[in-house]
Protein backbone atom coordinates (compact mmCIF):
# COMPACT_ATOMS: atom_id res chain seq x y z
CA MET A 1 -102.17 -78.92 75.30
CA LYS A 2 -101.51 -75.69 77.18
CA LYS A 3 -102.86 -71.85 76.18
CA MET A 4 -100.56 -69.99 74.58
CA VAL A 5 -100.23 -66.77 76.42
CA PHE A 6 -98.39 -63.14 74.33
CA PHE A 7 -97.34 -60.15 76.93
CA ARG A 8 -97.73 -57.31 74.47
CA PRO A 9 -94.78 -54.98 74.81
CA PHE A 10 -95.07 -51.59 76.55
CA VAL A 11 -95.53 -48.30 74.75
CA ILE A 12 -93.91 -45.62 77.20
CA ILE A 13 -93.66 -43.05 74.47
CA ASN A 14 -96.80 -42.78 73.94
CA ALA A 15 -98.78 -43.67 77.22
CA PRO A 16 -99.90 -40.47 79.18
CA LEU A 17 -98.75 -39.64 82.29
CA LEU A 18 -99.99 -40.03 85.12
CA ILE A 19 -98.53 -36.36 86.57
CA PRO A 20 -98.55 -33.70 84.64
CA LEU A 21 -94.07 -33.29 83.98
CA ALA A 22 -95.20 -29.78 85.84
CA ASN A 23 -95.75 -31.18 89.40
CA ALA A 24 -94.15 -34.01 88.73
CA PRO A 25 -91.51 -35.27 91.70
CA PRO A 26 -88.17 -33.49 91.33
CA MET A 27 -86.81 -36.90 90.46
CA LEU A 28 -88.73 -37.38 87.39
CA LYS A 29 -88.29 -34.04 86.33
CA LEU A 30 -84.23 -34.95 86.83
CA ILE A 31 -84.15 -38.10 84.71
CA ASP A 32 -86.62 -35.79 82.02
CA HIS A 33 -83.81 -33.48 82.06
CA ILE A 34 -80.66 -35.69 81.83
CA VAL A 35 -82.11 -37.37 78.60
CA ARG A 36 -82.88 -34.12 77.37
CA ILE A 37 -79.15 -33.57 78.11
CA SER A 38 -77.53 -36.27 76.48
CA ALA A 39 -78.85 -35.55 73.23
CA ARG A 40 -77.21 -33.10 72.77
CA ARG A 41 -73.23 -32.59 71.00
CA ASP A 42 -73.19 -29.17 71.05
CA ARG A 43 -71.51 -27.09 74.55
CA THR A 44 -73.96 -23.85 73.27
CA GLU A 45 -76.76 -26.58 73.69
CA ILE A 46 -75.79 -28.10 76.11
CA ASN A 47 -75.62 -24.98 78.71
CA THR A 48 -78.99 -23.94 77.56
CA ALA A 49 -80.24 -27.12 78.32
CA LEU A 50 -78.86 -27.54 81.71
CA VAL A 51 -80.05 -23.68 82.34
CA GLU A 52 -83.43 -24.85 81.89
CA ALA A 53 -83.29 -28.14 84.20
CA MET A 54 -82.17 -26.24 87.27
CA LEU A 55 -84.32 -23.56 86.49
CA ASP A 56 -87.58 -26.32 86.07
CA ILE A 57 -86.38 -28.05 89.18
CA PHE A 58 -85.00 -25.60 92.04
CA GLY A 59 -86.00 -22.10 90.99
CA PRO A 60 -82.67 -20.87 91.57
CA ARG A 61 -82.65 -17.23 92.41
CA SER A 62 -79.53 -17.12 89.83
CA LEU A 63 -77.17 -18.82 87.72
CA ARG A 64 -74.15 -18.95 85.91
CA ILE A 65 -72.50 -21.33 83.57
CA TYR A 66 -68.97 -20.03 82.74
CA ARG A 67 -66.70 -21.31 80.15
CA CYS A 68 -63.07 -21.39 81.73
CA PHE A 69 -59.66 -20.39 79.75
CA SER A 70 -56.74 -21.30 81.94
CA SER A 71 -52.77 -20.21 81.45
CA THR A 72 -50.03 -21.10 84.08
CA THR A 73 -50.34 -17.40 84.49
CA HIS A 74 -53.81 -16.73 84.68
CA THR A 75 -57.47 -17.35 84.38
CA VAL A 76 -60.52 -15.78 81.98
CA VAL A 77 -64.56 -16.70 83.03
CA PHE A 78 -66.53 -16.41 80.40
CA SER A 79 -70.20 -16.42 81.54
CA CYS A 80 -71.55 -18.15 78.82
CA ALA A 81 -74.92 -19.14 79.98
CA GLY A 82 -77.64 -18.55 83.30
CA ILE A 83 -80.57 -17.10 84.85
CA GLY A 84 -80.43 -13.60 85.96
CA PRO A 85 -82.24 -10.68 86.53
CA GLU A 86 -83.58 -9.97 83.09
CA GLY A 87 -84.30 -13.72 82.69
CA SER A 88 -82.71 -16.48 80.85
CA PHE A 89 -79.91 -15.53 78.26
CA SER A 90 -77.36 -18.59 76.34
CA HIS A 91 -73.88 -16.81 74.27
CA ASN A 92 -72.23 -19.14 71.71
CA ALA A 93 -69.60 -21.12 74.09
CA TYR A 94 -67.65 -21.72 71.31
CA LEU A 95 -66.67 -17.79 70.77
CA PRO A 96 -65.94 -16.44 73.89
CA GLU A 97 -67.46 -12.68 74.03
CA ARG A 98 -65.24 -9.78 76.24
CA ASP A 99 -68.44 -8.46 77.81
CA PHE A 100 -69.19 -11.31 79.13
CA SER A 101 -65.01 -12.11 80.15
CA TRP A 102 -62.89 -11.38 83.46
CA PRO A 103 -60.41 -12.02 84.88
CA ILE A 104 -61.19 -14.94 87.65
CA THR A 105 -59.75 -13.02 90.20
CA ARG A 106 -62.42 -10.45 90.59
CA ASP A 107 -64.50 -12.97 92.12
CA PRO A 108 -63.57 -14.44 94.73
CA LEU A 109 -65.45 -17.58 94.89
CA LEU A 110 -65.06 -18.23 91.66
CA ARG A 111 -61.07 -18.16 92.84
CA GLN A 112 -61.43 -19.95 95.78
CA ALA A 113 -63.34 -23.25 93.35
CA GLU A 114 -60.35 -22.82 91.50
CA ARG A 115 -57.94 -22.96 94.17
CA GLU A 116 -59.18 -25.67 96.28
CA ALA A 117 -60.89 -27.68 92.87
CA SER A 118 -64.06 -28.33 94.92
CA ILE A 119 -67.79 -27.19 96.14
CA VAL A 120 -67.90 -24.03 98.13
CA PHE A 121 -70.51 -21.53 99.56
CA LYS A 122 -70.95 -18.67 100.90
CA LEU A 123 -74.10 -17.73 103.05
CA LEU A 124 -75.74 -13.99 101.61
CA GLU A 125 -77.01 -11.93 103.50
CA ASP A 126 -81.05 -12.47 102.88
CA GLY A 127 -80.40 -16.19 104.33
CA SER A 128 -79.47 -17.43 100.41
CA GLN A 129 -76.29 -19.36 100.19
CA ARG A 130 -74.05 -19.40 97.02
CA LEU A 131 -72.73 -22.39 95.65
CA VAL A 132 -70.10 -22.98 93.15
CA PHE A 133 -68.90 -26.05 91.63
CA PRO A 134 -65.83 -26.53 89.56
CA VAL A 135 -66.31 -29.02 86.35
CA HIS A 136 -62.37 -30.58 85.06
CA SER A 137 -61.49 -32.33 82.35
CA LEU A 138 -58.13 -34.02 81.44
CA GLU A 139 -57.19 -32.38 84.86
CA SER A 140 -57.91 -28.88 83.46
CA LEU A 141 -60.79 -26.41 85.20
CA ILE A 142 -63.31 -25.70 82.07
CA TYR A 143 -66.42 -24.80 83.74
CA LEU A 144 -67.07 -23.41 87.21
CA VAL A 145 -71.48 -23.86 87.96
CA ASP A 146 -72.24 -20.32 90.03
CA ILE A 147 -75.89 -20.63 91.23
CA VAL A 148 -78.08 -19.51 94.73
CA ILE A 149 -80.59 -20.95 96.13
CA SER A 150 -83.40 -20.15 98.95
CA GLU A 151 -82.25 -20.52 102.93
CA ASP A 152 -84.91 -23.44 102.53
CA PHE A 153 -83.62 -25.51 99.74
CA SER A 154 -84.15 -28.85 100.76
CA SER A 155 -81.54 -31.98 101.54
CA GLU A 156 -83.23 -33.94 98.80
CA ASN A 157 -83.12 -30.91 96.91
CA ARG A 158 -79.07 -30.62 97.51
CA VAL A 159 -78.70 -34.12 96.92
CA LEU A 160 -79.83 -34.37 93.19
CA LEU A 161 -78.32 -31.08 92.56
CA MET A 162 -74.99 -32.46 93.45
CA GLY A 163 -76.41 -34.83 90.32
CA LEU A 164 -77.03 -33.13 88.35
CA VAL A 165 -73.48 -31.29 88.15
CA GLU A 166 -72.16 -34.63 88.37
CA TYR A 167 -73.92 -35.68 85.31
CA PHE A 168 -72.64 -32.11 83.57
CA THR A 169 -69.59 -32.68 84.16
CA HIS A 170 -69.20 -36.40 82.99
CA HIS A 171 -70.69 -35.31 79.84
CA ILE A 172 -68.82 -32.91 78.78
CA ALA A 173 -65.82 -34.54 79.86
CA LEU A 174 -67.35 -36.81 77.24
CA LEU A 175 -67.46 -33.62 74.70
CA ASP A 176 -63.84 -32.76 75.47
CA TYR A 177 -62.40 -36.10 74.67
CA GLY A 178 -64.11 -36.59 71.15
CA GLU A 179 -63.33 -32.29 70.65
CA ALA A 180 -59.60 -32.52 71.80
CA ASP A 181 -56.42 -33.93 70.29
CA THR A 182 -55.89 -36.17 72.53
CA LEU A 183 -51.67 -35.58 72.40
CA THR A 184 -51.80 -31.99 72.89
CA GLY A 185 -54.66 -31.31 74.36
CA LEU A 186 -56.08 -28.40 71.74
CA ALA A 187 -59.06 -28.49 69.62
CA ASN A 188 -58.50 -31.61 66.82
CA ARG A 189 -59.07 -31.38 63.24
CA LYS A 190 -62.71 -32.60 63.48
CA THR A 191 -63.90 -29.98 65.10
CA PHE A 192 -62.34 -27.15 62.91
CA ASP A 193 -65.08 -26.85 60.88
CA LYS A 194 -67.86 -26.17 62.97
CA HIS A 195 -65.32 -23.80 64.88
CA LEU A 196 -64.61 -21.91 62.00
CA PHE A 197 -68.35 -21.64 60.81
CA GLU A 198 -69.13 -20.55 63.81
CA VAL A 199 -66.67 -17.62 64.04
CA MET A 200 -67.51 -16.90 59.94
CA GLY A 201 -71.61 -16.17 61.26
CA LYS A 202 -70.53 -13.92 63.73
CA ALA A 203 -67.88 -11.72 61.82
CA ALA A 204 -70.47 -12.23 58.99
CA SER A 205 -73.22 -11.26 61.04
CA ASP A 206 -70.97 -7.96 62.98
CA GLU A 207 -70.37 -6.69 59.43
CA LEU A 208 -73.58 -6.50 58.16
CA SER A 209 -75.12 -5.06 61.86
CA MET A 210 -71.94 -1.96 60.93
CA GLN A 211 -73.29 -1.57 57.30
CA LYS A 212 -76.54 -0.83 59.08
CA GLY A 213 -75.44 1.39 61.67
CA LEU A 214 -76.40 -0.95 64.43
CA ARG A 215 -72.61 -1.79 65.46
CA ARG A 216 -69.58 0.67 65.23
CA ARG A 217 -66.61 -0.56 63.79
CA LYS A 218 -63.92 -0.04 66.82
CA ALA A 219 -61.19 2.53 65.82
CA GLY A 220 -57.92 1.30 63.98
CA VAL A 221 -59.61 -2.16 63.75
CA ASP A 222 -60.29 -4.34 61.10
CA SER A 223 -63.53 -6.60 61.58
CA ARG A 224 -61.92 -9.70 60.27
CA HIS A 225 -60.36 -12.63 61.81
CA TRP A 226 -56.56 -14.10 60.36
CA LEU A 227 -56.13 -17.85 59.83
CA ALA A 228 -52.40 -19.06 60.33
CA VAL A 229 -50.99 -22.29 59.75
CA CYS A 230 -47.78 -22.95 61.20
CA ASP A 231 -45.39 -26.09 61.50
CA ILE A 232 -42.38 -26.85 63.08
CA ASP A 233 -39.07 -26.59 61.10
CA PHE A 234 -37.79 -30.37 59.94
CA PHE A 235 -39.93 -32.27 62.38
CA LYS A 236 -39.24 -35.17 60.93
CA ARG A 237 -35.93 -34.99 60.83
CA ILE A 238 -36.76 -34.77 65.09
CA ASN A 239 -38.94 -37.89 64.74
CA ASP A 240 -35.59 -39.62 62.89
CA THR A 241 -33.05 -38.40 64.97
CA HIS A 242 -34.51 -38.57 68.33
CA GLY A 243 -37.53 -40.99 67.90
CA HIS A 244 -41.18 -41.07 67.61
CA LEU A 245 -41.39 -40.43 71.90
CA ILE A 246 -39.15 -37.62 72.14
CA GLY A 247 -41.11 -35.45 68.88
CA ASP A 248 -44.43 -36.03 70.48
CA GLU A 249 -43.14 -34.32 73.85
CA VAL A 250 -41.58 -31.34 70.92
CA LEU A 251 -45.36 -31.54 69.97
CA VAL A 252 -46.42 -31.23 73.68
CA MET A 253 -44.74 -28.40 74.44
CA PHE A 254 -45.03 -26.55 70.85
CA ALA A 255 -48.59 -26.83 72.15
CA ARG A 256 -48.57 -25.00 75.18
CA LEU A 257 -46.12 -22.17 74.26
CA MET A 258 -49.65 -22.00 71.05
CA ARG A 259 -51.89 -21.30 74.40
CA GLU A 260 -49.42 -19.30 76.31
CA SER A 261 -48.87 -16.83 73.00
CA PHE A 262 -52.91 -16.10 72.71
CA ARG A 263 -55.46 -14.90 73.86
CA PHE A 264 -58.32 -16.86 75.55
CA ASP A 265 -60.53 -16.52 73.05
CA ASP A 266 -58.61 -17.21 70.02
CA GLN A 267 -59.05 -19.97 69.17
CA ILE A 268 -56.25 -22.95 68.28
CA PHE A 269 -55.78 -26.38 66.60
CA ARG A 270 -54.16 -29.91 66.34
CA PHE A 271 -54.36 -30.58 62.27
CA GLY A 272 -52.64 -33.59 62.14
CA GLY A 273 -48.89 -34.50 62.95
CA GLU A 274 -46.16 -31.16 63.68
CA GLU A 275 -49.15 -28.92 62.11
CA PHE A 276 -51.54 -26.33 63.91
CA VAL A 277 -53.71 -24.63 63.24
CA ALA A 278 -54.44 -21.01 65.25
CA VAL A 279 -57.94 -18.79 63.94
CA LEU A 280 -57.70 -15.35 65.67
CA GLN A 281 -59.46 -12.35 67.30
CA PRO A 282 -59.99 -9.44 64.43
CA ALA A 283 -57.24 -6.62 64.65
CA LYS A 284 -55.17 -4.87 62.38
CA GLN A 285 -52.66 -6.32 60.06
CA ALA A 286 -49.36 -5.16 61.64
CA ASN A 287 -51.08 -6.29 64.90
CA VAL A 288 -51.03 -9.98 63.54
CA GLN A 289 -47.97 -10.04 62.31
CA ALA A 290 -46.53 -9.03 65.45
CA ALA A 291 -48.51 -11.31 67.40
CA PHE A 292 -47.54 -14.87 64.93
CA ASP A 293 -43.48 -13.08 65.03
CA ARG A 294 -44.00 -12.97 69.03
CA PHE A 295 -45.14 -16.72 69.18
CA ARG A 296 -42.25 -17.74 66.77
CA GLU A 297 -40.13 -16.13 68.65
CA ALA A 298 -40.78 -17.89 71.97
CA VAL A 299 -41.16 -21.35 70.36
CA ALA A 300 -37.21 -20.31 68.49
CA ALA A 301 -35.75 -19.17 72.37
CA HIS A 302 -37.61 -22.51 73.90
CA THR A 303 -34.70 -25.02 74.86
CA PHE A 304 -36.90 -28.67 73.77
CA SER A 305 -35.88 -31.34 76.22
CA ARG A 306 -33.34 -33.93 74.77
CA VAL A 307 -33.80 -32.06 71.07
CA GLY A 308 -32.72 -28.31 71.86
CA HIS A 309 -34.21 -25.85 69.91
CA VAL A 310 -36.66 -25.75 67.05
CA THR A 311 -37.85 -23.31 65.13
CA VAL A 312 -41.67 -22.97 63.26
CA SER A 313 -42.59 -21.32 59.78
CA ILE A 314 -46.11 -19.73 59.85
CA GLY A 315 -47.80 -18.76 56.92
CA TYR A 316 -51.56 -16.41 57.77
CA SER A 317 -54.07 -15.03 55.68
CA GLN A 318 -57.51 -13.04 56.60
CA LEU A 319 -60.74 -14.85 56.68
CA LEU A 320 -63.25 -12.90 53.73
CA THR A 321 -66.95 -12.97 54.23
CA HIS A 322 -67.59 -15.82 51.74
CA ASP A 323 -64.67 -17.68 51.77
CA THR A 324 -65.43 -21.66 52.76
CA PRO A 325 -62.34 -23.25 55.10
CA SER A 326 -60.34 -24.54 52.07
CA ASP A 327 -60.77 -21.16 50.90
CA VAL A 328 -59.12 -19.88 53.39
CA ILE A 329 -56.64 -22.83 54.08
CA ASP A 330 -55.22 -22.95 51.06
CA ARG A 331 -54.26 -19.09 51.25
CA ALA A 332 -52.46 -19.61 54.32
CA ASP A 333 -50.92 -22.39 52.73
CA GLU A 334 -49.59 -20.80 50.25
CA ALA A 335 -47.97 -17.89 52.37
CA LEU A 336 -46.63 -21.35 54.69
CA TYR A 337 -45.16 -22.53 51.74
CA PHE A 338 -43.75 -18.84 50.65
CA ALA A 339 -41.86 -19.49 54.51
CA LYS A 340 -40.52 -22.33 53.55
CA GLN A 341 -38.68 -21.99 50.26
CA HIS A 342 -37.50 -18.89 51.87
CA GLY A 343 -35.20 -19.55 54.37
CA ARG A 344 -37.96 -21.17 57.49
CA ASN A 345 -38.27 -19.41 60.92
CA GLN A 346 -40.28 -16.29 59.38
CA THR A 347 -43.82 -15.36 58.99
CA GLN A 348 -45.93 -14.35 56.44
CA CYS A 349 -49.51 -12.79 55.00
CA PHE A 350 -50.79 -14.00 52.12
CA GLU A 351 -52.53 -10.11 51.30
CA VAL A 352 -48.65 -8.60 51.98
CA LEU A 353 -47.49 -11.71 49.86
CA VAL A 354 -50.40 -10.88 46.96
CA GLU A 355 -49.48 -6.68 47.53
CA SER A 356 -45.83 -6.42 46.75
CA GLY A 357 -46.43 -8.88 44.07
CA LYS A 358 -45.23 -11.79 45.61
CA LEU A 359 -48.00 -14.27 44.89
CA ALA A 360 -51.03 -14.36 42.75
CA PRO A 361 -54.10 -13.21 43.95
CA LYS A 362 -57.05 -15.39 44.66
CA ALA A 363 -60.41 -14.90 43.77
CA THR A 364 -62.75 -15.14 46.03
CA ASN A 365 -66.17 -17.80 45.24
CA LYS A 366 -67.97 -14.72 44.30
CA GLY A 367 -65.27 -14.10 41.87
CA GLU A 368 -63.76 -10.59 43.22
CA ILE A 369 -60.42 -10.49 45.12
CA GLU A 370 -59.95 -8.80 47.70
CA LEU A 371 -56.37 -8.33 50.10
CA PHE A 372 -57.86 -6.07 52.20
């Protein structure tokens, strides 16, 4: 009778490393960092993990990860993470801050990378090299990785650097696929709650800082964000008359008009069907009304292929400190319903309707009533 031989499986995770990771070869470090990056599903965390990987493996002289916001007329870049003279830094990738954002035309090398859609580089006076890697998703520029490497940067490290950026590109592209509406390219309904909580958390933090005197409120500007529900008028009629393919064309063009009408740091979502949501940065109510009216008029003036002219009704409300997503959507929906019931192709503000006595006020979850 033959003797049975059993093999004990390897348990790598508990095995001691023969080489401390700090002194490990670059390839082993790269694998370790790719594992760490792959575990992240949040843009801010992914950016931070990429910065950590770059710092550990390559020791760059500087690094900037820019998130890009492009329209048909211009591109804005937001420096959301990197390594500078002050050390590593990271900002919320979902909420671009204007203090760290600027037109891409301000930096010729970034603009060249956008225009050529390929890696570009520049030799600096001290012998170091600045490289810019463009990152695309769904044929759109979404990130730029801007790194300065020393003059003695090895060819092996160059290959590893390109591999890491390529992995980052694929990981972000997969994240985009899950966060974006496949038809219009806007953020989808699944990501709305997360984005809104990010916005509300920042708004609450800003308000608390101002109450403590740590920050000054800009003159004449309200501290709260605004949310609008935008609904295409008689969209079912478009589908019934022209078919769903033509209806989809209308939705795609409508989404494009939305992107062109609002600022790069405003959040835009497709909720499904003909319903879209916009979350706007803090502003006076009159300015918000004007912005939504400009968008509404742009839709009405546009000639949609095979359909002609369509209109949109908009209802919006101010985000309150203790709102839940359903709270603010309910208020915006009430304003939208009022617009639909009173002629369509108009913009209505919930707070203004309450103040004028046309709608009843709603209590917050703290039992209070707030207008402005």
